Amino acid sequence: MDWTELSHVIRFERAGGCCERCARPHGARVWHLGEMRVAGRVGLWWNGDAWRDERGRKVVLAPPSVLRDRALQQGWLWPELVSPERDAAMIGLRRSMVSLACCHLDHDPFNNAPSNLAALCQRCHLKHDAKDNLSRRRLNRWSRLTRGMHSFAFA
């Protein structure tokens, strides 16, 4: 089985088209609060009937429309400038398209065992890879610095 087929099986057959960490559905445009901490939790997103946390669990919080109305009542938004997208951004709500990717849990692209693969949305995938990406950035920066020093020293 090639990577395209394997990735499809993991994302859509095993995971049912949802992130295996936070349950965000592939292809959906979801409202979310980014990394804003609310009620001690981060990664909150709206699935159409309830807020969910970064593990997909329901969180008791007012729906986005109620949050917007409360912001209007508090004077945080101006009623004459009604634009749901802009108003939402002013109170920390953002909307983004969910895209599932098949992720290697051990960061080894040659280990394609199903137990080592996970279907993750872009947020969960970036969080999973954060340490690996940081070390890669540091290594690349060090490599550029040392190349620059060698070319300067021998120029």
N, C-alpha and C. Protein backbone atom coordinates (compact mmCIF):
# COMPACT_ATOMS: atom_id res chain seq x y z
N MET A 1 0.86 -1.18 0.00
CA MET A 1 0.00 0.00 0.00
C MET A 1 0.91 1.24 0.00
N ASP A 2 0.66 2.17 -0.91
CA ASP A 2 1.50 3.38 -0.96
C ASP A 2 1.02 4.40 0.08
N TRP A 3 1.79 5.48 0.25
CA TRP A 3 1.51 6.46 1.30
C TRP A 3 0.14 7.12 1.12
N THR A 4 -0.23 7.44 -0.11
CA THR A 4 -1.52 8.09 -0.36
C THR A 4 -2.67 7.22 0.13
N GLU A 5 -2.62 5.94 -0.20
CA GLU A 5 -3.67 5.01 0.24
C GLU A 5 -3.66 4.85 1.76
N LEU A 6 -2.48 4.66 2.33
CA LEU A 6 -2.35 4.48 3.77
C LEU A 6 -2.87 5.70 4.53
N SER A 7 -2.49 6.88 4.07
CA SER A 7 -2.95 8.12 4.69
C SER A 7 -4.47 8.23 4.64
N HIS A 8 -5.05 7.89 3.50
CA HIS A 8 -6.50 7.95 3.34
C HIS A 8 -7.19 6.97 4.31
N VAL A 9 -6.65 5.76 4.42
CA VAL A 9 -7.23 4.76 5.33
C VAL A 9 -7.20 5.27 6.77
N ILE A 10 -6.06 5.82 7.19
CA ILE A 10 -5.93 6.31 8.57
C ILE A 10 -6.88 7.48 8.82
N ARG A 11 -6.91 8.46 7.89
CA ARG A 11 -7.70 9.68 8.11
C ARG A 11 -9.20 9.45 8.00
N PHE A 12 -9.64 8.64 7.03
CA PHE A 12 -11.07 8.57 6.77
C PHE A 12 -11.74 7.26 7.17
N GLU A 13 -11.01 6.15 7.13
CA GLU A 13 -11.62 4.89 7.55
C GLU A 13 -11.45 4.68 9.05
N ARG A 14 -10.21 4.79 9.53
CA ARG A 14 -9.99 4.57 10.96
C ARG A 14 -10.51 5.73 11.80
N ALA A 15 -10.17 6.97 11.42
CA ALA A 15 -10.54 8.14 12.23
C ALA A 15 -11.92 8.69 11.88
N GLY A 16 -12.53 8.21 10.82
CA GLY A 16 -13.86 8.68 10.45
C GLY A 16 -13.89 10.13 9.99
N GLY A 17 -12.76 10.64 9.48
CA GLY A 17 -12.71 12.00 8.96
C GLY A 17 -12.61 13.07 10.04
N CYS A 18 -12.24 12.67 11.26
CA CYS A 18 -12.09 13.63 12.36
C CYS A 18 -10.71 13.49 13.00
N CYS A 19 -10.22 14.58 13.53
CA CYS A 19 -8.93 14.56 14.23
C CYS A 19 -9.01 13.58 15.40
N GLU A 20 -7.99 12.76 15.54
CA GLU A 20 -7.99 11.76 16.61
C GLU A 20 -7.64 12.34 17.98
N ARG A 21 -7.28 13.62 18.03
CA ARG A 21 -7.01 14.26 19.33
C ARG A 21 -8.17 15.15 19.76
N CYS A 22 -8.61 16.06 18.87
CA CYS A 22 -9.61 17.05 19.28
C CYS A 22 -10.98 16.84 18.63
N ALA A 23 -11.08 15.91 17.70
CA ALA A 23 -12.34 15.55 17.02
C ALA A 23 -12.83 16.59 16.02
N ARG A 24 -12.00 17.55 15.61
CA ARG A 24 -12.43 18.50 14.58
C ARG A 24 -12.63 17.74 13.27
N PRO A 25 -13.74 18.01 12.55
CA PRO A 25 -14.02 17.28 11.31
C PRO A 25 -13.27 17.87 10.10
N HIS A 26 -12.72 16.99 9.28
CA HIS A 26 -11.99 17.39 8.08
C HIS A 26 -12.91 18.19 7.14
N GLY A 27 -12.39 19.27 6.60
CA GLY A 27 -13.12 20.07 5.62
C GLY A 27 -14.10 21.07 6.21
N ALA A 28 -14.31 21.04 7.51
CA ALA A 28 -15.26 21.96 8.14
C ALA A 28 -14.58 23.30 8.44
N ARG A 29 -15.38 24.37 8.37
CA ARG A 29 -14.90 25.68 8.82
C ARG A 29 -15.42 25.84 10.25
N VAL A 30 -14.50 25.88 11.20
CA VAL A 30 -14.91 25.93 12.61
C VAL A 30 -14.50 27.25 13.25
N TRP A 31 -15.34 27.72 14.17
CA TRP A 31 -14.99 28.86 15.00
C TRP A 31 -14.09 28.34 16.11
N HIS A 32 -13.06 29.09 16.45
CA HIS A 32 -12.19 28.66 17.53
C HIS A 32 -11.59 29.87 18.23
N LEU A 33 -11.04 29.62 19.39
CA LEU A 33 -10.44 30.68 20.20
C LEU A 33 -8.91 30.60 20.19
N GLY A 34 -8.35 29.88 19.22
CA GLY A 34 -6.90 29.77 19.13
C GLY A 34 -6.33 29.19 20.40
N GLU A 35 -5.28 29.81 20.91
CA GLU A 35 -4.64 29.33 22.14
C GLU A 35 -5.08 30.14 23.36
N MET A 36 -6.16 30.92 23.21
CA MET A 36 -6.68 31.71 24.33
C MET A 36 -7.16 30.76 25.44
N ARG A 37 -6.76 31.03 26.67
CA ARG A 37 -7.17 30.20 27.80
C ARG A 37 -8.52 30.70 28.32
N VAL A 38 -9.52 29.82 28.31
CA VAL A 38 -10.86 30.14 28.80
C VAL A 38 -11.26 29.03 29.77
N ALA A 39 -11.66 29.42 30.95
CA ALA A 39 -12.06 28.46 31.99
C ALA A 39 -10.98 27.39 32.20
N GLY A 40 -9.73 27.81 32.12
CA GLY A 40 -8.61 26.90 32.37
C GLY A 40 -8.29 25.96 31.23
N ARG A 41 -8.89 26.18 30.07
CA ARG A 41 -8.66 25.28 28.93
C ARG A 41 -8.21 26.08 27.71
N VAL A 42 -7.47 25.42 26.82
CA VAL A 42 -7.05 26.04 25.56
C VAL A 42 -7.54 25.17 24.41
N GLY A 43 -7.47 25.73 23.19
CA GLY A 43 -7.86 24.97 22.01
C GLY A 43 -9.35 24.81 21.84
N LEU A 44 -10.14 25.73 22.40
CA LEU A 44 -11.60 25.61 22.31
C LEU A 44 -12.08 25.89 20.89
N TRP A 45 -13.04 25.09 20.43
CA TRP A 45 -13.63 25.27 19.11
C TRP A 45 -15.11 24.92 19.17
N TRP A 46 -15.88 25.52 18.26
CA TRP A 46 -17.34 25.37 18.22
C TRP A 46 -17.70 24.38 17.13
N ASN A 47 -18.43 23.31 17.46
CA ASN A 47 -18.78 22.31 16.45
C ASN A 47 -20.20 22.45 15.92
N GLY A 48 -20.86 23.54 16.23
CA GLY A 48 -22.21 23.76 15.74
C GLY A 48 -23.27 23.61 16.81
N ASP A 49 -22.99 22.82 17.84
CA ASP A 49 -23.95 22.68 18.93
C ASP A 49 -23.30 22.84 20.31
N ALA A 50 -21.98 22.75 20.38
CA ALA A 50 -21.30 22.89 21.67
C ALA A 50 -19.84 23.26 21.46
N TRP A 51 -19.26 23.88 22.47
CA TRP A 51 -17.82 24.13 22.46
C TRP A 51 -17.13 22.82 22.81
N ARG A 52 -15.98 22.60 22.22
CA ARG A 52 -15.16 21.42 22.52
C ARG A 52 -13.77 21.89 22.91
N ASP A 53 -13.09 21.10 23.76
CA ASP A 53 -11.73 21.46 24.14
C ASP A 53 -10.73 20.76 23.22
N GLU A 54 -9.44 20.84 23.56
CA GLU A 54 -8.42 20.28 22.69
C GLU A 54 -8.43 18.76 22.64
N ARG A 55 -9.25 18.13 23.47
CA ARG A 55 -9.40 16.67 23.41
C ARG A 55 -10.77 16.26 22.86
N GLY A 56 -11.56 17.24 22.41
CA GLY A 56 -12.86 16.95 21.84
C GLY A 56 -13.98 16.84 22.85
N ARG A 57 -13.69 17.12 24.13
CA ARG A 57 -14.72 17.04 25.18
C ARG A 57 -15.57 18.30 25.19
N LYS A 58 -16.87 18.14 25.50
CA LYS A 58 -17.77 19.29 25.57
C LYS A 58 -17.37 20.22 26.71
N VAL A 59 -17.49 21.53 26.45
CA VAL A 59 -17.19 22.56 27.43
C VAL A 59 -18.42 23.45 27.54
N VAL A 60 -18.83 23.77 28.75
CA VAL A 60 -20.00 24.63 28.94
C VAL A 60 -19.55 26.08 28.79
N LEU A 61 -19.96 26.69 27.69
CA LEU A 61 -19.62 28.07 27.36
C LEU A 61 -20.68 28.55 26.38
N ALA A 62 -21.00 29.83 26.41
CA ALA A 62 -22.03 30.37 25.52
C ALA A 62 -21.62 30.22 24.06
N PRO A 63 -22.61 30.01 23.15
CA PRO A 63 -22.29 29.91 21.72
C PRO A 63 -21.70 31.21 21.18
N PRO A 64 -21.03 31.16 20.02
CA PRO A 64 -20.40 32.36 19.45
C PRO A 64 -21.35 33.55 19.30
N SER A 65 -22.60 33.29 18.88
CA SER A 65 -23.54 34.40 18.69
C SER A 65 -23.84 35.10 20.02
N VAL A 66 -23.94 34.33 21.10
CA VAL A 66 -24.20 34.91 22.43
C VAL A 66 -22.98 35.69 22.90
N LEU A 67 -21.78 35.16 22.65
CA LEU A 67 -20.56 35.88 23.01
C LEU A 67 -20.52 37.23 22.30
N ARG A 68 -20.91 37.23 21.01
CA ARG A 68 -20.93 38.47 20.23
C ARG A 68 -21.95 39.44 20.82
N ASP A 69 -23.15 38.94 21.15
CA ASP A 69 -24.19 39.80 21.72
C ASP A 69 -23.76 40.39 23.06
N ARG A 70 -23.10 39.58 23.88
CA ARG A 70 -22.59 40.08 25.17
C ARG A 70 -21.55 41.17 24.95
N ALA A 71 -20.70 40.99 23.95
CA ALA A 71 -19.68 41.99 23.65
C ALA A 71 -20.33 43.29 23.21
N LEU A 72 -21.43 43.20 22.44
CA LEU A 72 -22.17 44.40 22.04
C LEU A 72 -22.75 45.10 23.27
N GLN A 73 -23.36 44.32 24.17
CA GLN A 73 -23.96 44.89 25.38
C GLN A 73 -22.92 45.56 26.27
N GLN A 74 -21.74 45.00 26.33
CA GLN A 74 -20.67 45.55 27.17
C GLN A 74 -19.98 46.76 26.52
N GLY A 75 -20.33 47.03 25.25
CA GLY A 75 -19.72 48.16 24.56
C GLY A 75 -18.37 47.84 23.93
N TRP A 76 -18.04 46.55 23.83
CA TRP A 76 -16.77 46.17 23.21
C TRP A 76 -16.85 46.27 21.69
N LEU A 77 -18.08 46.16 21.15
CA LEU A 77 -18.29 46.25 19.70
C LEU A 77 -19.28 47.38 19.43
N TRP A 78 -19.21 47.94 18.24
CA TRP A 78 -20.11 49.02 17.86
C TRP A 78 -21.20 48.45 16.96
N PRO A 79 -22.49 48.59 17.35
CA PRO A 79 -23.59 48.00 16.57
C PRO A 79 -23.66 48.48 15.13
N GLU A 80 -23.21 49.71 14.86
CA GLU A 80 -23.30 50.22 13.49
C GLU A 80 -22.25 49.59 12.57
N LEU A 81 -21.27 48.90 13.13
CA LEU A 81 -20.24 48.24 12.33
C LEU A 81 -20.43 46.73 12.37
N VAL A 82 -21.65 46.29 12.03
CA VAL A 82 -21.96 44.87 12.15
C VAL A 82 -21.32 44.08 11.01
N SER A 83 -20.42 43.21 11.36
CA SER A 83 -19.78 42.29 10.43
C SER A 83 -19.37 41.08 11.27
N PRO A 84 -20.08 39.96 11.14
CA PRO A 84 -19.80 38.81 12.01
C PRO A 84 -18.33 38.41 12.06
N GLU A 85 -17.65 38.38 10.92
CA GLU A 85 -16.24 37.97 10.91
C GLU A 85 -15.38 38.97 11.68
N ARG A 86 -15.58 40.27 11.42
CA ARG A 86 -14.77 41.30 12.08
C ARG A 86 -15.10 41.37 13.57
N ASP A 87 -16.40 41.31 13.90
CA ASP A 87 -16.81 41.34 15.30
C ASP A 87 -16.24 40.14 16.05
N ALA A 88 -16.28 38.98 15.42
CA ALA A 88 -15.75 37.77 16.05
C ALA A 88 -14.26 37.93 16.34
N ALA A 89 -13.53 38.49 15.39
CA ALA A 89 -12.08 38.68 15.58
C ALA A 89 -11.80 39.61 16.75
N MET A 90 -12.67 40.61 16.95
CA MET A 90 -12.45 41.56 18.03
C MET A 90 -12.60 40.92 19.41
N ILE A 91 -13.37 39.85 19.51
CA ILE A 91 -13.52 39.18 20.81
C ILE A 91 -12.71 37.88 20.86
N GLY A 92 -11.81 37.69 19.91
CA GLY A 92 -10.90 36.55 19.96
C GLY A 92 -11.33 35.33 19.18
N LEU A 93 -12.51 35.38 18.55
CA LEU A 93 -12.97 34.25 17.75
C LEU A 93 -12.34 34.30 16.36
N ARG A 94 -11.93 33.15 15.88
CA ARG A 94 -11.42 33.06 14.52
C ARG A 94 -12.09 31.87 13.85
N ARG A 95 -12.07 31.88 12.54
CA ARG A 95 -12.66 30.78 11.80
C ARG A 95 -11.60 30.21 10.88
N SER A 96 -11.49 28.89 10.86
CA SER A 96 -10.51 28.29 9.96
C SER A 96 -11.03 26.96 9.42
N MET A 97 -10.46 26.58 8.28
CA MET A 97 -10.79 25.32 7.63
C MET A 97 -9.95 24.21 8.25
N VAL A 98 -10.59 23.11 8.60
CA VAL A 98 -9.87 21.98 9.19
C VAL A 98 -9.34 21.08 8.08
N SER A 99 -8.07 20.75 8.18
CA SER A 99 -7.44 19.88 7.20
C SER A 99 -6.72 18.76 7.95
N LEU A 100 -7.17 17.53 7.75
CA LEU A 100 -6.53 16.40 8.41
C LEU A 100 -5.28 15.96 7.67
N ALA A 101 -4.27 15.59 8.42
CA ALA A 101 -3.05 15.03 7.85
C ALA A 101 -2.73 13.76 8.62
N CYS A 102 -2.03 12.86 7.97
CA CYS A 102 -1.59 11.64 8.63
C CYS A 102 -0.21 11.91 9.22
N CYS A 103 -0.07 11.72 10.51
CA CYS A 103 1.13 12.10 11.25
C CYS A 103 1.86 10.87 11.79
N HIS A 104 3.19 10.88 11.68
CA HIS A 104 4.02 9.83 12.30
C HIS A 104 4.24 10.22 13.76
N LEU A 105 3.74 9.43 14.67
CA LEU A 105 3.83 9.77 16.09
C LEU A 105 5.26 9.78 16.62
N ASP A 106 6.13 8.94 16.05
CA ASP A 106 7.53 8.90 16.50
C ASP A 106 8.45 9.73 15.60
N HIS A 107 7.88 10.47 14.66
CA HIS A 107 8.62 11.35 13.74
C HIS A 107 9.53 10.58 12.78
N ASP A 108 9.34 9.27 12.66
CA ASP A 108 10.14 8.45 11.74
C ASP A 108 9.31 8.16 10.50
N PRO A 109 9.63 8.79 9.35
CA PRO A 109 8.81 8.60 8.15
C PRO A 109 8.86 7.18 7.58
N PHE A 110 9.77 6.35 8.07
CA PHE A 110 9.85 4.97 7.58
C PHE A 110 9.02 4.01 8.43
N ASN A 111 8.54 4.46 9.58
CA ASN A 111 7.73 3.62 10.45
C ASN A 111 6.25 3.87 10.15
N ASN A 112 5.72 3.08 9.21
CA ASN A 112 4.33 3.27 8.78
C ASN A 112 3.37 2.27 9.43
N ALA A 113 3.72 1.78 10.60
CA ALA A 113 2.81 0.89 11.33
C ALA A 113 1.57 1.69 11.72
N PRO A 114 0.38 1.12 11.55
CA PRO A 114 -0.84 1.85 11.90
C PRO A 114 -0.84 2.41 13.32
N SER A 115 -0.20 1.71 14.25
CA SER A 115 -0.15 2.21 15.63
C SER A 115 0.75 3.44 15.77
N ASN A 116 1.59 3.70 14.77
CA ASN A 116 2.48 4.86 14.79
C ASN A 116 1.92 6.04 14.00
N LEU A 117 0.74 5.86 13.40
CA LEU A 117 0.14 6.91 12.58
C LEU A 117 -1.11 7.45 13.25
N ALA A 118 -1.35 8.74 13.08
CA ALA A 118 -2.55 9.37 13.64
C ALA A 118 -3.09 10.39 12.65
N ALA A 119 -4.40 10.51 12.60
CA ALA A 119 -5.05 11.54 11.79
C ALA A 119 -5.19 12.77 12.67
N LEU A 120 -4.46 13.85 12.33
CA LEU A 120 -4.47 15.06 13.15
C LEU A 120 -4.83 16.28 12.30
N CYS A 121 -5.59 17.20 12.91
CA CYS A 121 -5.86 18.48 12.26
C CYS A 121 -4.57 19.31 12.33
N GLN A 122 -4.56 20.45 11.63
CA GLN A 122 -3.33 21.25 11.58
C GLN A 122 -2.90 21.73 12.96
N ARG A 123 -3.84 22.09 13.83
CA ARG A 123 -3.47 22.56 15.18
C ARG A 123 -2.80 21.45 15.98
N CYS A 124 -3.43 20.29 16.02
CA CYS A 124 -2.88 19.17 16.80
C CYS A 124 -1.56 18.68 16.20
N HIS A 125 -1.46 18.70 14.87
CA HIS A 125 -0.23 18.26 14.21
C HIS A 125 0.92 19.21 14.57
N LEU A 126 0.67 20.51 14.54
CA LEU A 126 1.72 21.47 14.91
C LEU A 126 2.12 21.32 16.38
N LYS A 127 1.14 21.10 17.25
CA LYS A 127 1.46 20.89 18.67
C LYS A 127 2.29 19.62 18.86
N HIS A 128 1.92 18.56 18.14
CA HIS A 128 2.65 17.29 18.25
C HIS A 128 4.10 17.45 17.78
N ASP A 129 4.30 18.21 16.71
CA ASP A 129 5.64 18.37 16.12
C ASP A 129 6.43 19.53 16.70
N ALA A 130 5.91 20.24 17.68
CA ALA A 130 6.54 21.48 18.17
C ALA A 130 7.99 21.29 18.58
N LYS A 131 8.28 20.29 19.41
CA LYS A 131 9.67 20.09 19.87
C LYS A 131 10.58 19.71 18.71
N ASP A 132 10.10 18.82 17.86
CA ASP A 132 10.89 18.39 16.70
C ASP A 132 11.16 19.57 15.77
N ASN A 133 10.14 20.39 15.52
CA ASN A 133 10.32 21.56 14.65
C ASN A 133 11.28 22.57 15.26
N LEU A 134 11.22 22.76 16.57
CA LEU A 134 12.13 23.69 17.24
C LEU A 134 13.57 23.22 17.10
N SER A 135 13.82 21.94 17.35
CA SER A 135 15.20 21.45 17.24
C SER A 135 15.69 21.54 15.80
N ARG A 136 14.80 21.30 14.82
CA ARG A 136 15.18 21.43 13.42
C ARG A 136 15.53 22.88 13.07
N ARG A 137 14.72 23.82 13.57
CA ARG A 137 15.01 25.24 13.31
C ARG A 137 16.35 25.64 13.91
N ARG A 138 16.61 25.17 15.14
CA ARG A 138 17.89 25.49 15.78
C ARG A 138 19.06 24.91 14.99
N LEU A 139 18.92 23.67 14.54
CA LEU A 139 19.97 23.03 13.76
C LEU A 139 20.21 23.78 12.46
N ASN A 140 19.13 24.17 11.78
CA ASN A 140 19.26 24.94 10.53
C ASN A 140 19.92 26.29 10.78
N ARG A 141 19.54 26.95 11.85
CA ARG A 141 20.14 28.25 12.17
C ARG A 141 21.63 28.08 12.44
N TRP A 142 21.98 27.06 13.23
CA TRP A 142 23.39 26.79 13.53
C TRP A 142 24.16 26.48 12.25
N SER A 143 23.55 25.69 11.38
CA SER A 143 24.20 25.33 10.11
C SER A 143 24.45 26.57 9.26
N ARG A 144 23.46 27.47 9.18
CA ARG A 144 23.64 28.71 8.41
C ARG A 144 24.73 29.59 9.02
N LEU A 145 24.74 29.67 10.35
CA LEU A 145 25.76 30.49 11.02
C LEU A 145 27.16 29.95 10.77
N THR A 146 27.32 28.64 10.89
CA THR A 146 28.66 28.07 10.71
C THR A 146 29.11 28.17 9.25
N ARG A 147 28.19 27.99 8.32
CA ARG A 147 28.56 28.17 6.90
C ARG A 147 28.96 29.60 6.65
N GLY A 148 28.21 30.53 7.23
CA GLY A 148 28.52 31.96 7.06
C GLY A 148 29.88 32.30 7.64
N MET A 149 30.20 31.71 8.79
CA MET A 149 31.50 31.99 9.41
C MET A 149 32.62 31.41 8.57
N HIS A 150 32.43 30.21 7.99
CA HIS A 150 33.48 29.62 7.17
C HIS A 150 33.68 30.42 5.89
N SER A 151 32.57 30.83 5.26
CA SER A 151 32.73 31.58 4.01
C SER A 151 33.35 32.95 4.30
N PHE A 152 33.04 33.54 5.46
CA PHE A 152 33.63 34.83 5.81
C PHE A 152 35.11 34.67 6.12
N ALA A 153 35.46 33.59 6.83
CA ALA A 153 36.85 33.38 7.23
C ALA A 153 37.76 33.10 6.04
N PHE A 154 37.21 32.46 5.00
CA PHE A 154 38.04 32.09 3.86
C PHE A 154 37.80 32.97 2.65
N ALA A 155 37.05 34.02 2.78
CA ALA A 155 36.74 34.88 1.63
C ALA A 155 37.90 35.79 1.27
